[in-house]
Amino acid sequence: MFAFLLVFISAMVATVVVVSAYSLGVRLLTLSGRTPIVTPAEFTDAITVVTPAEIRQAEKRAAKAKKKSPLSERQKRAALVGAWACFALSGIAVIFGIYLIVGEHVIKLFT
């Protein structure tokens, strides 16, 4: 029973760390003036298709938001560094989780 509780708590903490770090990174990236715009790929069986006009409109909104930012250039740079630090923390947490799952098995294969 204790082992189950330990795995459950570890999974919950890891989930909170990964999701929080990633979402904070996206927020800081937006504050730095680099709004992440992902243009969708068009597939033949796509449910929704984004038109070029909608893409241009989204890019225009992002440019407008970038101009309206009340942050100084130094603050924007700090937000960008913070964003990448959050993304790195999120990635490291995922890689560490994978290592915990398969790490010992891989080490045993090579020894």
Protein backbone atom coordinates (compact mmCIF):
# COMPACT_ATOMS: atom_id res chain seq x y z
CA MET A 1 0.00 0.00 0.00
CA PHE A 2 2.84 2.39 0.82
CA ALA A 3 4.47 1.77 -2.57
CA PHE A 4 1.24 2.67 -4.38
CA LEU A 5 0.90 5.87 -2.36
CA LEU A 6 4.51 6.79 -3.09
CA VAL A 7 4.05 6.29 -6.85
CA PHE A 8 0.77 8.22 -6.81
CA ILE A 9 2.24 11.20 -4.97
CA SER A 10 5.35 11.19 -7.19
CA ALA A 11 3.22 11.15 -10.34
CA MET A 12 1.06 14.01 -9.08
CA VAL A 13 4.08 16.14 -8.13
CA ALA A 14 5.76 15.44 -11.48
CA THR A 15 2.60 16.36 -13.34
CA VAL A 16 2.26 19.63 -11.46
CA VAL A 17 5.93 20.50 -12.09
CA VAL A 18 5.82 19.75 -15.83
CA VAL A 19 2.50 21.48 -16.52
CA SER A 20 3.27 24.50 -14.33
CA ALA A 21 6.75 25.00 -15.79
CA TYR A 22 5.48 24.72 -19.36
CA SER A 23 2.50 27.04 -18.86
CA LEU A 24 4.64 29.62 -17.04
CA GLY A 25 7.14 29.39 -19.90
CA VAL A 26 4.43 30.11 -22.47
CA ARG A 27 3.20 33.04 -20.38
CA LEU A 28 6.71 34.49 -20.08
CA LEU A 29 7.29 33.96 -23.79
CA THR A 30 4.17 35.96 -24.51
CA LEU A 31 5.25 38.70 -22.09
CA SER A 32 8.59 38.94 -23.88
CA GLY A 33 6.74 39.88 -27.06
CA ARG A 34 7.19 36.57 -28.83
CA THR A 35 3.65 35.30 -29.05
CA PRO A 36 3.74 31.66 -30.14
CA ILE A 37 1.69 31.39 -33.33
CA VAL A 38 1.42 27.95 -34.82
CA THR A 39 0.00 27.85 -38.29
CA PRO A 40 -1.97 24.64 -38.66
CA ALA A 41 -1.11 22.17 -41.36
CA GLU A 42 -3.82 21.40 -43.85
CA PHE A 43 -4.87 17.78 -44.03
CA THR A 44 -7.33 16.31 -46.44
CA ASP A 45 -9.51 15.03 -43.63
CA ALA A 46 -9.21 18.11 -41.40
CA ILE A 47 -12.26 19.05 -39.40
CA THR A 48 -11.44 22.75 -39.49
CA VAL A 49 -9.32 24.54 -42.03
CA VAL A 50 -7.76 27.88 -41.19
CA THR A 51 -7.82 30.25 -44.09
CA PRO A 52 -4.84 32.45 -45.01
CA ALA A 53 -6.92 35.48 -44.01
CA GLU A 54 -7.37 34.05 -40.50
CA ILE A 55 -3.64 33.40 -40.25
CA ARG A 56 -2.85 36.99 -41.28
CA GLN A 57 -5.38 38.25 -38.73
CA ALA A 58 -3.76 36.22 -35.95
CA GLU A 59 -0.32 37.51 -36.92
CA LYS A 60 -1.66 41.08 -36.92
CA ARG A 61 -3.09 40.59 -33.41
CA ALA A 62 0.27 39.23 -32.22
CA ALA A 63 2.13 42.22 -33.68
CA LYS A 64 -0.33 44.61 -32.04
CA ALA A 65 0.10 42.87 -28.67
CA LYS A 66 3.87 43.10 -29.06
CA LYS A 67 3.65 46.87 -29.59
CA LYS A 68 1.33 47.33 -26.58
CA SER A 69 3.71 45.61 -24.15
CA PRO A 70 4.42 47.89 -21.16
CA LEU A 71 7.71 46.13 -20.45
CA SER A 72 11.10 47.64 -21.15
CA GLU A 73 13.56 45.84 -23.42
CA ARG A 74 15.47 44.60 -20.39
CA GLN A 75 12.30 43.16 -18.84
CA LYS A 76 11.39 41.50 -22.12
CA ARG A 77 14.83 39.91 -22.30
CA ALA A 78 14.48 38.68 -18.71
CA ALA A 79 11.05 37.23 -19.52
CA LEU A 80 12.52 35.43 -22.54
CA VAL A 81 15.33 33.95 -20.45
CA GLY A 82 12.79 32.91 -17.82
CA ALA A 83 10.62 31.29 -20.48
CA TRP A 84 13.48 29.19 -21.80
CA ALA A 85 14.45 28.25 -18.23
CA CYS A 86 10.88 27.04 -17.63
CA PHE A 87 10.91 25.04 -20.87
CA ALA A 88 14.25 23.51 -19.86
CA LEU A 89 12.91 22.60 -16.41
CA SER A 90 9.86 20.98 -17.99
CA GLY A 91 12.02 18.99 -20.40
CA ILE A 92 14.44 17.91 -17.68
CA ALA A 93 11.54 16.70 -15.53
CA VAL A 94 10.22 14.61 -18.44
CA ILE A 95 13.65 13.15 -19.21
CA PHE A 96 14.22 12.35 -15.52
CA GLY A 97 10.85 10.58 -15.41
CA ILE A 98 11.81 8.48 -18.42
CA TYR A 99 15.14 7.69 -16.77
CA LEU A 100 13.34 6.55 -13.61
CA ILE A 101 11.17 4.21 -15.66
CA VAL A 102 13.78 2.63 -17.92
CA GLY A 103 17.13 3.79 -16.53
CA GLU A 104 18.06 0.79 -14.40
CA HIS A 105 16.99 -1.64 -17.09
CA VAL A 106 19.23 0.01 -19.66
CA ILE A 107 22.16 0.12 -17.24
CA LYS A 108 21.74 -3.60 -16.50
CA LEU A 109 21.85 -4.36 -20.23
CA PHE A 110 25.27 -2.76 -20.61
CA THR A 111 26.87 -4.17 -17.44
